[in-house]
Structure formats: C-alpha cells, structure tokens
Amino acid sequence: MSNPVFEFDHIHIISQNPQDAANWYVQMFGADIVADTVARGAPQIFLKLVGKTLIIRGQRPGEAPTAAREIQPYADYSSHNTWGTDHFGFLYHGDLRAFCDELRAKGVRFPVALKEGVGGRLLCYVAAPDGVSIELMQGSRPRM
C-alpha cells in the first residue's frame, strides 16, 4: 500500500563536471535543463527527465568526493558491489535494441550488454557520467 503523504521528488548527483553531465542527459535521454544555478558554492543544474527532477551539482567547498565503482556483471545479476544506491532504471517503450544502437553510436558505454533478464524482459546498463549506472528495461510498445 502506497503512503499518500509521500511523493518522489528528485535524484541528486554530485558531478566532477556538472555542465558536461547535464548535457549528456540532454543528448542521450532527451532531458530538459530547467535551471542552472549555484548553491552553497557549487554549480547546481536542474533537469526534467521523464517527468522527474534530476539535480546535478558540482563539488562544494570542503568536499572531497571519491570516484564511484563501475557496475559489473556477475553470473546472473549486476552490481556496483558497494553500499548505497546501485543504479536507477527506466522502462523503454519502443525498440530497446534500436535505442541501444543509437546510444552506442553516440559513444555510450554498456558495462552490462543487452541481455534477457528475469521474466524474459530485455535489459542492459548504461555508464552515465560520474560513475552513475542506468538500467534500461524493455517496456511495452508505445501507446498510439
């Protein structure tokens, strides 16, 4: 049962180069930059992506972020093998194979190649900037 007092608000990513990272999400997934600000001494860029907010910010004074591990394929699953957020995922309502080919042509890396997942649904993992992993899963065909 869902709790009606909660609503998902945003994903927040710390980036070595926020402008390049924001542009990557625009070019690869069609995100829209809706605000480009500075907060607490660091650039902070707000994007809209599939109706949700993605915030990408730079390093704040006094921070010393460490690099994230890349997601790795194991026998029958994938993992960053670290505590914390592992990845976020999108359903793709279209030809996932063709979309992956388009991304690959743009230089996107796939640390976990397109494969059949649980229940027979196609899925893969995209390496986004700053060690972020995005799972793409085959959804239903687009509604006409």
N, C-alpha and C. Protein backbone atom coordinates (compact mmCIF):
# COMPACT_ATOMS: atom_id res chain seq x y z
N MET A 1 0.84 -1.18 0.00
CA MET A 1 0.00 0.00 0.00
C MET A 1 0.89 1.24 0.00
N SER A 2 0.64 2.13 -0.89
CA SER A 2 1.43 3.34 -1.02
C SER A 2 1.02 4.35 0.06
N ASN A 3 1.97 5.14 0.51
CA ASN A 3 1.70 6.16 1.51
C ASN A 3 1.43 7.48 0.79
N PRO A 4 0.19 7.98 0.83
CA PRO A 4 -0.18 9.15 0.05
C PRO A 4 0.47 10.45 0.51
N VAL A 5 1.12 10.47 1.66
CA VAL A 5 1.77 11.71 2.08
C VAL A 5 3.15 11.88 1.44
N PHE A 6 3.65 10.84 0.75
CA PHE A 6 4.94 10.93 0.08
C PHE A 6 4.76 11.04 -1.42
N GLU A 7 5.65 11.80 -2.03
CA GLU A 7 5.72 11.90 -3.47
C GLU A 7 7.19 11.94 -3.84
N PHE A 8 7.62 11.14 -4.83
CA PHE A 8 9.01 11.16 -5.25
C PHE A 8 9.35 12.54 -5.79
N ASP A 9 10.49 13.11 -5.36
CA ASP A 9 10.84 14.46 -5.77
C ASP A 9 12.02 14.51 -6.74
N HIS A 10 13.17 13.92 -6.40
CA HIS A 10 14.32 14.09 -7.28
C HIS A 10 15.41 13.05 -7.02
N ILE A 11 16.33 12.98 -7.98
CA ILE A 11 17.59 12.26 -7.85
C ILE A 11 18.66 13.34 -7.87
N HIS A 12 19.65 13.23 -6.98
CA HIS A 12 20.68 14.25 -6.85
C HIS A 12 22.04 13.60 -7.07
N ILE A 13 22.78 14.10 -8.05
CA ILE A 13 24.07 13.53 -8.42
C ILE A 13 25.16 14.57 -8.20
N ILE A 14 26.27 14.15 -7.60
CA ILE A 14 27.45 15.00 -7.46
C ILE A 14 28.35 14.70 -8.65
N SER A 15 28.75 15.75 -9.37
CA SER A 15 29.48 15.57 -10.62
C SER A 15 30.80 16.34 -10.64
N GLN A 16 31.79 15.72 -11.27
CA GLN A 16 33.08 16.40 -11.46
C GLN A 16 32.93 17.54 -12.45
N ASN A 17 32.02 17.41 -13.42
CA ASN A 17 31.77 18.45 -14.40
C ASN A 17 30.26 18.51 -14.64
N PRO A 18 29.54 19.29 -13.82
CA PRO A 18 28.08 19.31 -13.90
C PRO A 18 27.52 19.70 -15.27
N GLN A 19 28.14 20.66 -15.95
CA GLN A 19 27.60 21.08 -17.24
C GLN A 19 27.72 19.97 -18.27
N ASP A 20 28.88 19.29 -18.31
CA ASP A 20 29.04 18.17 -19.23
C ASP A 20 28.07 17.04 -18.90
N ALA A 21 27.91 16.74 -17.62
CA ALA A 21 26.99 15.68 -17.20
C ALA A 21 25.55 16.03 -17.60
N ALA A 22 25.14 17.27 -17.34
CA ALA A 22 23.78 17.70 -17.71
C ALA A 22 23.58 17.57 -19.21
N ASN A 23 24.57 18.01 -19.99
CA ASN A 23 24.46 17.91 -21.45
C ASN A 23 24.37 16.46 -21.90
N TRP A 24 25.06 15.55 -21.21
CA TRP A 24 24.99 14.12 -21.53
C TRP A 24 23.54 13.63 -21.41
N TYR A 25 22.85 13.97 -20.31
CA TYR A 25 21.47 13.54 -20.11
C TYR A 25 20.54 14.17 -21.16
N VAL A 26 20.84 15.39 -21.58
CA VAL A 26 20.06 16.03 -22.64
C VAL A 26 20.26 15.27 -23.96
N GLN A 27 21.50 15.01 -24.31
CA GLN A 27 21.81 14.37 -25.60
C GLN A 27 21.38 12.91 -25.66
N MET A 28 21.56 12.16 -24.58
CA MET A 28 21.31 10.73 -24.61
C MET A 28 19.87 10.35 -24.30
N PHE A 29 19.20 11.13 -23.43
CA PHE A 29 17.86 10.75 -22.99
C PHE A 29 16.80 11.83 -23.21
N GLY A 30 17.19 12.95 -23.81
CA GLY A 30 16.20 13.98 -24.10
C GLY A 30 15.75 14.78 -22.90
N ALA A 31 16.57 14.83 -21.85
CA ALA A 31 16.24 15.64 -20.67
C ALA A 31 16.21 17.12 -21.05
N ASP A 32 15.52 17.91 -20.26
CA ASP A 32 15.48 19.37 -20.44
C ASP A 32 16.13 20.04 -19.25
N ILE A 33 17.05 20.96 -19.51
CA ILE A 33 17.64 21.77 -18.44
C ILE A 33 16.61 22.84 -18.10
N VAL A 34 16.17 22.87 -16.83
CA VAL A 34 15.14 23.83 -16.43
C VAL A 34 15.70 24.93 -15.53
N ALA A 35 16.88 24.73 -14.95
CA ALA A 35 17.52 25.77 -14.14
C ALA A 35 19.01 25.47 -14.05
N ASP A 36 19.81 26.53 -14.08
CA ASP A 36 21.26 26.43 -13.95
C ASP A 36 21.66 27.43 -12.88
N THR A 37 21.93 26.96 -11.68
CA THR A 37 22.11 27.83 -10.53
C THR A 37 23.44 27.54 -9.82
N VAL A 38 23.68 28.25 -8.73
CA VAL A 38 24.79 27.99 -7.81
C VAL A 38 24.18 27.88 -6.43
N ALA A 39 24.55 26.82 -5.71
CA ALA A 39 24.05 26.64 -4.34
C ALA A 39 25.21 26.19 -3.45
N ARG A 40 25.37 26.87 -2.34
CA ARG A 40 26.43 26.54 -1.38
C ARG A 40 27.80 26.45 -2.05
N GLY A 41 28.06 27.37 -2.98
CA GLY A 41 29.37 27.45 -3.61
C GLY A 41 29.62 26.49 -4.75
N ALA A 42 28.59 25.81 -5.24
CA ALA A 42 28.79 24.85 -6.33
C ALA A 42 27.71 25.02 -7.39
N PRO A 43 28.07 24.78 -8.66
CA PRO A 43 27.04 24.79 -9.69
C PRO A 43 25.99 23.73 -9.40
N GLN A 44 24.76 24.04 -9.72
CA GLN A 44 23.66 23.10 -9.50
C GLN A 44 22.68 23.24 -10.65
N ILE A 45 22.55 22.17 -11.42
CA ILE A 45 21.73 22.19 -12.63
C ILE A 45 20.53 21.27 -12.43
N PHE A 46 19.35 21.78 -12.73
CA PHE A 46 18.11 21.02 -12.60
C PHE A 46 17.65 20.59 -13.99
N LEU A 47 17.35 19.29 -14.12
CA LEU A 47 16.85 18.75 -15.37
C LEU A 47 15.50 18.09 -15.13
N LYS A 48 14.68 18.07 -16.17
CA LYS A 48 13.45 17.26 -16.15
C LYS A 48 13.69 16.09 -17.08
N LEU A 49 13.46 14.91 -16.56
CA LEU A 49 13.67 13.68 -17.31
C LEU A 49 12.51 12.75 -17.01
N VAL A 50 11.76 12.40 -18.03
CA VAL A 50 10.53 11.60 -17.91
C VAL A 50 9.65 12.09 -16.76
N GLY A 51 9.49 13.40 -16.67
CA GLY A 51 8.60 13.98 -15.69
C GLY A 51 9.16 14.09 -14.28
N LYS A 52 10.39 13.69 -14.07
CA LYS A 52 11.01 13.75 -12.74
C LYS A 52 12.20 14.70 -12.76
N THR A 53 12.61 15.15 -11.59
CA THR A 53 13.72 16.08 -11.48
C THR A 53 15.02 15.34 -11.20
N LEU A 54 16.04 15.70 -11.97
CA LEU A 54 17.39 15.22 -11.78
C LEU A 54 18.23 16.45 -11.48
N ILE A 55 18.91 16.45 -10.34
CA ILE A 55 19.76 17.58 -9.96
C ILE A 55 21.20 17.12 -10.09
N ILE A 56 22.00 17.88 -10.80
CA ILE A 56 23.42 17.59 -10.93
C ILE A 56 24.18 18.78 -10.38
N ARG A 57 25.01 18.52 -9.38
CA ARG A 57 25.77 19.62 -8.79
C ARG A 57 27.24 19.30 -8.75
N GLY A 58 28.02 20.35 -8.67
CA GLY A 58 29.47 20.22 -8.59
C GLY A 58 29.94 20.06 -7.15
N GLN A 59 31.24 20.04 -7.02
CA GLN A 59 31.89 19.87 -5.71
C GLN A 59 31.74 21.15 -4.89
N ARG A 60 31.31 20.98 -3.65
CA ARG A 60 31.17 22.12 -2.74
C ARG A 60 32.47 22.34 -1.98
N PRO A 61 32.72 23.57 -1.54
CA PRO A 61 33.93 23.84 -0.77
C PRO A 61 34.01 22.89 0.44
N GLY A 62 35.17 22.29 0.62
CA GLY A 62 35.39 21.38 1.75
C GLY A 62 35.10 19.92 1.43
N GLU A 63 34.41 19.64 0.33
CA GLU A 63 34.13 18.25 -0.05
C GLU A 63 35.34 17.65 -0.76
N ALA A 64 35.45 16.33 -0.65
CA ALA A 64 36.48 15.58 -1.38
C ALA A 64 35.85 14.27 -1.85
N PRO A 65 34.94 14.35 -2.84
CA PRO A 65 34.25 13.14 -3.29
C PRO A 65 35.23 12.09 -3.84
N THR A 66 34.87 10.84 -3.65
CA THR A 66 35.66 9.75 -4.21
C THR A 66 34.92 9.18 -5.42
N ALA A 67 35.68 8.57 -6.30
CA ALA A 67 35.09 8.01 -7.52
C ALA A 67 34.21 6.81 -7.19
N ALA A 68 33.12 6.68 -7.91
CA ALA A 68 32.23 5.54 -7.76
C ALA A 68 32.80 4.35 -8.52
N ARG A 69 32.48 3.15 -8.05
CA ARG A 69 32.86 1.94 -8.80
C ARG A 69 31.89 1.74 -9.94
N GLU A 70 32.38 1.21 -11.04
CA GLU A 70 31.50 0.90 -12.17
C GLU A 70 30.72 -0.37 -11.88
N ILE A 71 29.50 -0.42 -12.38
CA ILE A 71 28.68 -1.62 -12.23
C ILE A 71 29.36 -2.77 -12.96
N GLN A 72 29.21 -3.97 -12.44
CA GLN A 72 29.85 -5.15 -13.02
C GLN A 72 28.83 -6.26 -13.22
N PRO A 73 28.99 -7.01 -14.31
CA PRO A 73 28.12 -8.18 -14.47
C PRO A 73 28.65 -9.34 -13.64
N TYR A 74 27.75 -10.05 -12.99
CA TYR A 74 28.08 -11.28 -12.26
C TYR A 74 27.38 -12.42 -13.00
N ALA A 75 27.33 -13.60 -12.42
CA ALA A 75 26.76 -14.77 -13.10
C ALA A 75 25.36 -14.51 -13.64
N ASP A 76 24.44 -14.02 -12.79
CA ASP A 76 23.07 -13.78 -13.27
C ASP A 76 22.49 -12.48 -12.72
N TYR A 77 23.34 -11.51 -12.40
CA TYR A 77 22.89 -10.19 -11.95
C TYR A 77 24.02 -9.20 -12.17
N SER A 78 23.77 -7.93 -11.87
CA SER A 78 24.77 -6.87 -11.99
C SER A 78 24.77 -6.06 -10.71
N SER A 79 25.94 -5.52 -10.33
CA SER A 79 26.03 -4.77 -9.07
C SER A 79 27.28 -3.90 -9.06
N HIS A 80 27.18 -2.79 -8.32
CA HIS A 80 28.36 -1.97 -8.04
C HIS A 80 29.17 -2.58 -6.91
N ASN A 81 28.55 -3.50 -6.18
CA ASN A 81 29.20 -4.18 -5.06
C ASN A 81 29.68 -3.18 -4.00
N THR A 82 28.87 -2.15 -3.75
CA THR A 82 29.12 -1.18 -2.69
C THR A 82 27.78 -0.84 -2.04
N TRP A 83 27.83 -0.35 -0.81
CA TRP A 83 26.61 0.09 -0.13
C TRP A 83 26.10 1.36 -0.79
N GLY A 84 24.83 1.61 -0.67
CA GLY A 84 24.24 2.83 -1.21
C GLY A 84 23.50 2.57 -2.50
N THR A 85 23.16 3.62 -3.21
CA THR A 85 22.40 3.49 -4.44
C THR A 85 23.21 2.73 -5.47
N ASP A 86 22.61 1.72 -6.06
CA ASP A 86 23.30 0.91 -7.06
C ASP A 86 23.07 1.47 -8.46
N HIS A 87 21.83 1.82 -8.79
CA HIS A 87 21.51 2.35 -10.11
C HIS A 87 20.08 2.89 -10.07
N PHE A 88 19.69 3.58 -11.13
CA PHE A 88 18.28 3.85 -11.32
C PHE A 88 17.90 3.35 -12.70
N GLY A 89 16.61 3.09 -12.90
CA GLY A 89 16.20 2.41 -14.12
C GLY A 89 15.05 3.09 -14.82
N PHE A 90 15.01 2.87 -16.14
CA PHE A 90 13.93 3.35 -16.98
C PHE A 90 13.35 2.18 -17.76
N LEU A 91 12.03 2.17 -17.93
CA LEU A 91 11.40 1.30 -18.90
C LEU A 91 11.45 2.04 -20.24
N TYR A 92 11.78 1.32 -21.30
CA TYR A 92 11.82 1.92 -22.62
C TYR A 92 10.67 1.32 -23.43
N HIS A 93 9.71 2.16 -23.80
CA HIS A 93 8.52 1.72 -24.53
C HIS A 93 8.74 1.90 -26.02
N GLY A 94 9.52 1.02 -26.59
CA GLY A 94 9.86 1.06 -28.01
C GLY A 94 10.84 -0.07 -28.27
N ASP A 95 11.59 0.04 -29.34
CA ASP A 95 12.57 -0.98 -29.70
C ASP A 95 13.86 -0.73 -28.93
N LEU A 96 14.05 -1.44 -27.84
CA LEU A 96 15.21 -1.23 -26.97
C LEU A 96 16.51 -1.52 -27.71
N ARG A 97 16.53 -2.55 -28.54
CA ARG A 97 17.76 -2.87 -29.29
C ARG A 97 18.16 -1.69 -30.18
N ALA A 98 17.21 -1.12 -30.89
CA ALA A 98 17.50 0.01 -31.77
C ALA A 98 17.95 1.22 -30.96
N PHE A 99 17.31 1.47 -29.81
CA PHE A 99 17.71 2.60 -28.97
C PHE A 99 19.13 2.42 -28.46
N CYS A 100 19.48 1.21 -28.05
CA CYS A 100 20.85 0.93 -27.59
C CYS A 100 21.85 1.15 -28.72
N ASP A 101 21.49 0.77 -29.95
CA ASP A 101 22.36 1.03 -31.10
C ASP A 101 22.57 2.53 -31.29
N GLU A 102 21.51 3.32 -31.12
CA GLU A 102 21.63 4.78 -31.23
C GLU A 102 22.57 5.33 -30.15
N LEU A 103 22.40 4.86 -28.92
CA LEU A 103 23.27 5.32 -27.83
C LEU A 103 24.72 4.92 -28.09
N ARG A 104 24.94 3.69 -28.52
CA ARG A 104 26.30 3.20 -28.81
C ARG A 104 26.95 4.07 -29.89
N ALA A 105 26.18 4.46 -30.91
CA ALA A 105 26.69 5.31 -31.99
C ALA A 105 27.10 6.69 -31.47
N LYS A 106 26.50 7.11 -30.35
CA LYS A 106 26.84 8.39 -29.73
C LYS A 106 27.99 8.24 -28.74
N GLY A 107 28.52 7.02 -28.59
CA GLY A 107 29.67 6.81 -27.72
C GLY A 107 29.34 6.31 -26.33
N VAL A 108 28.09 5.97 -26.07
CA VAL A 108 27.70 5.47 -24.75
C VAL A 108 28.29 4.07 -24.54
N ARG A 109 28.81 3.84 -23.35
CA ARG A 109 29.34 2.53 -22.98
C ARG A 109 28.28 1.72 -22.24
N PHE A 110 28.32 0.42 -22.43
CA PHE A 110 27.40 -0.51 -21.81
C PHE A 110 28.21 -1.50 -20.97
N PRO A 111 28.42 -1.23 -19.67
CA PRO A 111 29.17 -2.18 -18.85
C PRO A 111 28.46 -3.53 -18.72
N VAL A 112 27.15 -3.53 -18.88
CA VAL A 112 26.37 -4.78 -18.94
C VAL A 112 25.58 -4.71 -20.24
N ALA A 113 25.96 -5.57 -21.19
CA ALA A 113 25.35 -5.57 -22.52
C ALA A 113 23.89 -6.00 -22.46
N LEU A 114 23.17 -5.68 -23.51
CA LEU A 114 21.77 -6.07 -23.63
C LEU A 114 21.64 -7.58 -23.48
N LYS A 115 20.74 -7.99 -22.58
CA LYS A 115 20.55 -9.41 -22.31
C LYS A 115 19.12 -9.64 -21.85
N GLU A 116 18.75 -10.89 -21.74
CA GLU A 116 17.44 -11.25 -21.23
C GLU A 116 17.50 -11.29 -19.71
N GLY A 117 16.59 -10.57 -19.07
CA GLY A 117 16.54 -10.54 -17.62
C GLY A 117 15.46 -11.47 -17.07
N VAL A 118 15.17 -11.30 -15.79
CA VAL A 118 14.15 -12.09 -15.14
C VAL A 118 12.82 -11.89 -15.87
N GLY A 119 12.12 -12.95 -16.15
CA GLY A 119 10.84 -12.87 -16.85
C GLY A 119 10.96 -12.67 -18.34
N GLY A 120 12.18 -12.74 -18.88
CA GLY A 120 12.38 -12.63 -20.31
C GLY A 120 12.46 -11.22 -20.85
N ARG A 121 12.40 -10.22 -19.99
CA ARG A 121 12.46 -8.82 -20.42
C ARG A 121 13.91 -8.45 -20.74
N LEU A 122 14.13 -7.79 -21.90
CA LEU A 122 15.46 -7.33 -22.26
C LEU A 122 15.88 -6.20 -21.32
N LEU A 123 17.17 -6.18 -20.96
CA LEU A 123 17.70 -5.10 -20.14
C LEU A 123 19.19 -4.94 -20.40
N CYS A 124 19.72 -3.79 -20.04
CA CYS A 124 21.15 -3.51 -20.11
C CYS A 124 21.44 -2.39 -19.12
N TYR A 125 22.73 -2.10 -18.93
CA TYR A 125 23.15 -0.99 -18.07
C TYR A 125 24.03 -0.04 -18.87
N VAL A 126 23.74 1.24 -18.75
CA VAL A 126 24.47 2.31 -19.41
C VAL A 126 25.38 2.97 -18.38
N ALA A 127 26.62 3.26 -18.79
CA ALA A 127 27.54 4.02 -17.94
C ALA A 127 27.30 5.50 -18.18
N ALA A 128 26.72 6.17 -17.21
CA ALA A 128 26.49 7.61 -17.28
C ALA A 128 27.69 8.32 -16.65
N PRO A 129 27.80 9.64 -16.79
CA PRO A 129 28.91 10.35 -16.17
C PRO A 129 28.97 10.15 -14.65
N ASP A 130 30.16 10.28 -14.10
CA ASP A 130 30.40 10.28 -12.66
C ASP A 130 30.08 8.95 -11.99
N GLY A 131 30.22 7.86 -12.71
CA GLY A 131 30.01 6.54 -12.12
C GLY A 131 28.57 6.15 -11.92
N VAL A 132 27.63 6.92 -12.46
CA VAL A 132 26.22 6.61 -12.33
C VAL A 132 25.86 5.51 -13.33
N SER A 133 25.07 4.55 -12.89
CA SER A 133 24.60 3.48 -13.77
C SER A 133 23.10 3.60 -13.97
N ILE A 134 22.69 3.42 -15.22
CA ILE A 134 21.27 3.49 -15.56
C ILE A 134 20.88 2.17 -16.20
N GLU A 135 19.87 1.53 -15.63
CA GLU A 135 19.34 0.30 -16.20
C GLU A 135 18.25 0.67 -17.19
N LEU A 136 18.32 0.12 -18.38
CA LEU A 136 17.27 0.27 -19.37
C LEU A 136 16.58 -1.07 -19.52
N MET A 137 15.26 -1.08 -19.35
CA MET A 137 14.48 -2.33 -19.45
C MET A 137 13.42 -2.17 -20.53
N GLN A 138 13.21 -3.25 -21.26
CA GLN A 138 12.17 -3.25 -22.28
C GLN A 138 10.80 -3.12 -21.64
N GLY A 139 10.08 -2.09 -21.99
CA GLY A 139 8.71 -1.93 -21.53
C GLY A 139 7.77 -2.36 -22.64
N SER A 140 6.55 -1.94 -22.54
CA SER A 140 5.60 -2.25 -23.60
C SER A 140 5.84 -1.31 -24.79
N ARG A 141 5.23 -1.59 -25.87
CA ARG A 141 5.32 -0.73 -27.05
C ARG A 141 4.65 0.61 -26.74
N PRO A 142 5.09 1.68 -27.41
CA PRO A 142 4.47 2.99 -27.16
C PRO A 142 2.99 2.96 -27.47
N ARG A 143 2.23 3.71 -26.71
CA ARG A 143 0.79 3.82 -26.92
C ARG A 143 0.53 4.82 -28.03
N MET A 144 -0.35 4.47 -28.93
CA MET A 144 -0.66 5.38 -30.06
C MET A 144 -1.89 6.17 -29.76
